[in-house]
Amino acid sequence: MIEYLDIKNIAFQILGYPISYVELIATLFGLISVYFATKENILTWGTGIINEIFLYILFFQVQLYADMFLQIYFFLVTLYGWYNWKSNSTNNKIEKISFRNRILLALIILLSTFVLGFIFSNIHLYLKSYFKIQATYPFTDSFIMASSIVATILLAKKKIENWYMWIVNDMTCVLLYFKKGIYFLSIEYLIFLGIVFYGLYQWEKQIKND
């Protein structure tokens, strides 16, 4: 079973690109999870957990350490979001946040990107026994981490701004994963963009109906 977790273990090839079992499972459950989120379906959290586990394994092997640690956070917020949606299913409506809070969140993301980028740039020096290879694109990776953290919290609290943040986040992911040669995952995030726009449309419509 363990050998299937190695990115060198290939499930099949598409147009000459080898897709590992890890990347395949992570991609499929990521798509399913985002689709459920657009429908306000609580299953988004259960399928999200599977996506997070396999992305953690994948990102460690391609030295995207910020993305790797991000999956731990995702797992914890997924549990919170699952509980929050389930316990508040009757009164937890979609809402917007204030302009002031939008600016505050943007500043938090920028500051976090610089701090995390510095940390992950040097993590191979801090924890030599665990990270033997230097992180690649640490600041871009850290931006994805910071913006994803904020977006996931907003999703768990049913704030519509989460979709705007995912738009920026997914565009960044498409470029980064393509540069890293994780082409199947890059295509997944391109598909995510379409689903995110659909989710934004659905939530906007729900706000008007409420």
Protein backbone atom coordinates (compact mmCIF):
# COMPACT_ATOMS: atom_id res chain seq x y z
CA MET A 1 0.00 0.00 0.00
CA ILE A 2 2.81 2.42 0.90
CA GLU A 3 4.38 2.19 -2.55
CA TYR A 4 1.22 3.70 -4.06
CA LEU A 5 1.93 6.90 -2.09
CA ASP A 6 5.15 7.52 -4.02
CA ILE A 7 4.71 10.01 -6.87
CA LYS A 8 6.87 7.71 -8.99
CA ASN A 9 4.11 5.10 -8.87
CA ILE A 10 2.08 5.90 -11.97
CA ALA A 11 -1.63 5.16 -12.40
CA PHE A 12 -1.73 6.02 -16.12
CA GLN A 13 -0.51 8.58 -18.66
CA ILE A 14 -2.37 11.31 -20.52
CA LEU A 15 -0.65 12.74 -23.62
CA GLY A 16 2.65 11.46 -22.31
CA TYR A 17 2.21 12.96 -18.82
CA PRO A 18 2.46 10.32 -16.06
CA ILE A 19 -0.21 10.71 -13.36
CA SER A 20 0.64 9.17 -10.01
CA TYR A 21 -1.96 7.56 -7.77
CA VAL A 22 -1.39 10.29 -5.18
CA GLU A 23 -1.98 13.13 -7.64
CA LEU A 24 -4.98 11.35 -9.17
CA ILE A 25 -6.80 10.77 -5.85
CA ALA A 26 -6.00 14.26 -4.57
CA THR A 27 -7.28 15.82 -7.79
CA LEU A 28 -10.51 13.87 -8.00
CA PHE A 29 -11.53 14.47 -4.41
CA GLY A 30 -10.54 18.13 -4.68
CA LEU A 31 -12.93 18.59 -7.58
CA ILE A 32 -15.71 16.75 -5.77
CA SER A 33 -15.19 18.82 -2.62
CA VAL A 34 -15.31 22.17 -4.43
CA TYR A 35 -18.43 21.12 -6.35
CA PHE A 36 -20.20 20.23 -3.09
CA ALA A 37 -19.14 23.62 -1.66
CA THR A 38 -20.89 25.45 -4.50
CA LYS A 39 -24.09 23.60 -3.61
CA GLU A 40 -23.73 24.31 0.13
CA ASN A 41 -23.59 20.53 0.56
CA ILE A 42 -22.06 19.35 3.83
CA LEU A 43 -20.29 16.53 1.97
CA THR A 44 -17.73 19.14 0.88
CA TRP A 45 -16.00 18.64 4.23
CA GLY A 46 -15.80 14.83 4.14
CA THR A 47 -14.43 14.69 0.61
CA GLY A 48 -12.13 17.58 1.49
CA ILE A 49 -10.39 15.49 4.16
CA ILE A 50 -9.39 12.85 1.59
CA ASN A 51 -8.12 15.60 -0.71
CA GLU A 52 -6.03 17.11 2.11
CA ILE A 53 -4.38 13.83 3.10
CA PHE A 54 -3.19 13.04 -0.39
CA LEU A 55 -2.09 16.60 -1.14
CA TYR A 56 0.01 16.55 2.04
CA ILE A 57 1.82 13.47 0.72
CA LEU A 58 2.20 14.96 -2.77
CA PHE A 59 3.51 18.37 -1.72
CA PHE A 60 6.17 16.88 0.57
CA GLN A 61 7.59 14.96 -2.36
CA VAL A 62 7.77 18.03 -4.64
CA GLN A 63 9.20 20.35 -1.94
CA LEU A 64 6.21 22.70 -1.72
CA TYR A 65 6.44 22.73 2.07
CA ALA A 66 4.10 25.65 2.71
CA ASP A 67 1.41 23.84 0.73
CA MET A 68 2.20 20.70 2.70
CA PHE A 69 1.72 22.35 6.10
CA LEU A 70 -1.36 24.08 4.72
CA GLN A 71 -3.08 20.69 4.48
CA ILE A 72 -2.77 20.24 8.26
CA TYR A 73 -4.54 23.54 8.75
CA PHE A 74 -7.15 22.59 6.14
CA PHE A 75 -7.81 19.38 8.04
CA LEU A 76 -8.49 21.25 11.28
CA VAL A 77 -10.69 23.88 9.63
CA THR A 78 -12.51 21.14 7.74
CA LEU A 79 -13.53 19.60 11.05
CA TYR A 80 -14.67 23.04 12.25
CA GLY A 81 -16.56 23.77 9.03
CA TRP A 82 -18.23 20.37 9.11
CA TYR A 83 -19.38 20.95 12.68
CA ASN A 84 -20.42 24.57 12.00
CA TRP A 85 -22.52 23.72 8.95
CA LYS A 86 -24.14 20.76 10.66
CA SER A 87 -24.95 22.47 13.96
CA ASN A 88 -26.17 25.71 12.34
CA SER A 89 -27.93 24.28 9.31
CA THR A 90 -31.16 26.19 10.01
CA ASN A 91 -29.81 29.68 10.67
CA ASN A 92 -26.34 29.88 9.14
CA LYS A 93 -27.07 32.07 6.10
CA ILE A 94 -24.64 33.37 3.49
CA GLU A 95 -23.38 36.86 4.37
CA LYS A 96 -20.92 39.54 3.25
CA ILE A 97 -18.15 41.08 5.32
CA SER A 98 -17.54 44.80 5.63
CA PHE A 99 -15.14 46.77 3.40
CA ARG A 100 -12.96 47.50 6.43
CA ASN A 101 -12.60 43.80 7.19
CA ARG A 102 -11.75 43.11 3.55
CA ILE A 103 -8.84 45.54 3.76
CA LEU A 104 -7.76 44.02 7.07
CA LEU A 105 -7.77 40.51 5.61
CA ALA A 106 -5.74 41.67 2.59
CA LEU A 107 -3.09 43.16 4.90
CA ILE A 108 -3.00 39.98 6.98
CA ILE A 109 -2.45 37.90 3.85
CA LEU A 110 0.40 40.12 2.61
CA LEU A 111 2.17 40.18 5.97
CA SER A 112 1.74 36.45 6.42
CA THR A 113 3.14 35.82 2.94
CA PHE A 114 6.40 37.62 3.75
CA VAL A 115 6.79 35.99 7.17
CA LEU A 116 5.96 32.49 5.96
CA GLY A 117 8.05 32.96 2.82
CA PHE A 118 11.10 33.72 4.93
CA ILE A 119 10.47 30.72 7.18
CA PHE A 120 10.02 28.26 4.33
CA SER A 121 13.00 29.71 2.46
CA ASN A 122 15.14 28.53 5.35
CA ILE A 123 13.25 25.52 6.66
CA HIS A 124 15.91 23.18 5.22
CA LEU A 125 18.36 24.92 7.57
CA TYR A 126 16.08 24.88 10.63
CA LEU A 127 14.95 21.25 10.28
CA LYS A 128 17.73 19.58 8.33
CA SER A 129 16.77 16.05 9.30
CA TYR A 130 13.22 16.43 7.93
CA PHE A 131 13.68 18.75 4.94
CA LYS A 132 16.83 17.77 3.09
CA ILE A 133 15.95 19.71 -0.07
CA GLN A 134 15.43 23.50 -0.16
CA ALA A 135 11.87 24.71 -0.72
CA THR A 136 10.96 25.88 -4.22
CA TYR A 137 9.04 29.13 -4.84
CA PRO A 138 8.65 29.69 -1.07
CA PHE A 139 6.99 33.12 -1.28
CA THR A 140 4.48 32.14 -3.96
CA ASP A 141 3.78 28.97 -2.02
CA SER A 142 3.36 31.01 1.16
CA PHE A 143 0.88 33.35 -0.53
CA ILE A 144 -1.18 30.31 -1.47
CA MET A 145 -0.99 29.13 2.12
CA ALA A 146 -1.99 32.48 3.65
CA SER A 147 -4.83 33.20 1.24
CA SER A 148 -6.14 29.64 1.50
CA ILE A 149 -6.24 29.87 5.29
CA VAL A 150 -8.35 33.03 5.16
CA ALA A 151 -10.57 31.73 2.35
CA THR A 152 -11.29 28.48 4.18
CA ILE A 153 -12.31 30.33 7.34
CA LEU A 154 -14.66 32.51 5.29
CA LEU A 155 -16.10 29.39 3.64
CA ALA A 156 -16.69 27.75 7.02
CA LYS A 157 -18.49 30.91 8.17
CA LYS A 158 -20.42 31.14 4.89
CA LYS A 159 -18.99 34.53 3.89
CA ILE A 160 -19.34 35.09 0.15
CA GLU A 161 -15.90 36.72 -0.09
CA ASN A 162 -14.35 33.27 0.15
CA TRP A 163 -15.07 32.80 -3.56
CA TYR A 164 -13.25 35.99 -4.58
CA MET A 165 -10.23 34.82 -2.61
CA TRP A 166 -10.34 31.38 -4.21
CA ILE A 167 -10.31 33.01 -7.65
CA VAL A 168 -6.96 34.72 -6.95
CA ASN A 169 -5.66 31.66 -5.13
CA ASP A 170 -6.56 29.23 -7.90
CA MET A 171 -4.98 31.39 -10.62
CA THR A 172 -1.75 31.41 -8.60
CA CYS A 173 -1.93 27.64 -8.13
CA VAL A 174 -2.38 27.04 -11.86
CA LEU A 175 0.86 28.89 -12.60
CA LEU A 176 2.88 27.46 -9.71
CA TYR A 177 1.94 23.83 -10.23
CA PHE A 178 2.58 24.15 -13.96
CA LYS A 179 6.05 25.52 -13.21
CA LYS A 180 6.65 22.59 -10.85
CA GLY A 181 5.60 20.08 -13.50
CA ILE A 182 2.51 18.88 -11.60
CA TYR A 183 0.45 19.33 -14.74
CA PHE A 184 -2.59 17.28 -13.75
CA LEU A 185 -2.96 19.27 -10.55
CA SER A 186 -2.46 22.50 -12.51
CA ILE A 187 -5.30 21.53 -14.83
CA GLU A 188 -7.43 20.72 -11.80
CA TYR A 189 -7.03 24.25 -10.48
CA LEU A 190 -7.93 25.61 -13.89
CA ILE A 191 -11.15 23.62 -13.63
CA PHE A 192 -11.52 24.93 -10.07
CA LEU A 193 -11.62 28.45 -11.48
CA GLY A 194 -14.72 27.63 -13.47
CA ILE A 195 -16.35 25.93 -10.50
CA VAL A 196 -15.46 28.87 -8.24
CA PHE A 197 -17.17 31.34 -10.59
CA TYR A 198 -20.19 29.05 -10.56
CA GLY A 199 -20.10 28.91 -6.75
CA LEU A 200 -19.92 32.70 -6.56
CA TYR A 201 -22.94 32.95 -8.86
CA GLN A 202 -24.92 30.45 -6.80
CA TRP A 203 -24.14 32.15 -3.47
CA GLU A 204 -24.93 35.60 -4.88
CA LYS A 205 -28.28 34.27 -6.04
CA GLN A 206 -28.89 32.75 -2.61
CA ILE A 207 -28.20 36.09 -0.90
CA LYS A 208 -30.77 37.80 -3.10
CA ASN A 209 -33.32 35.10 -2.32
CA ASP A 210 -32.72 35.49 1.42
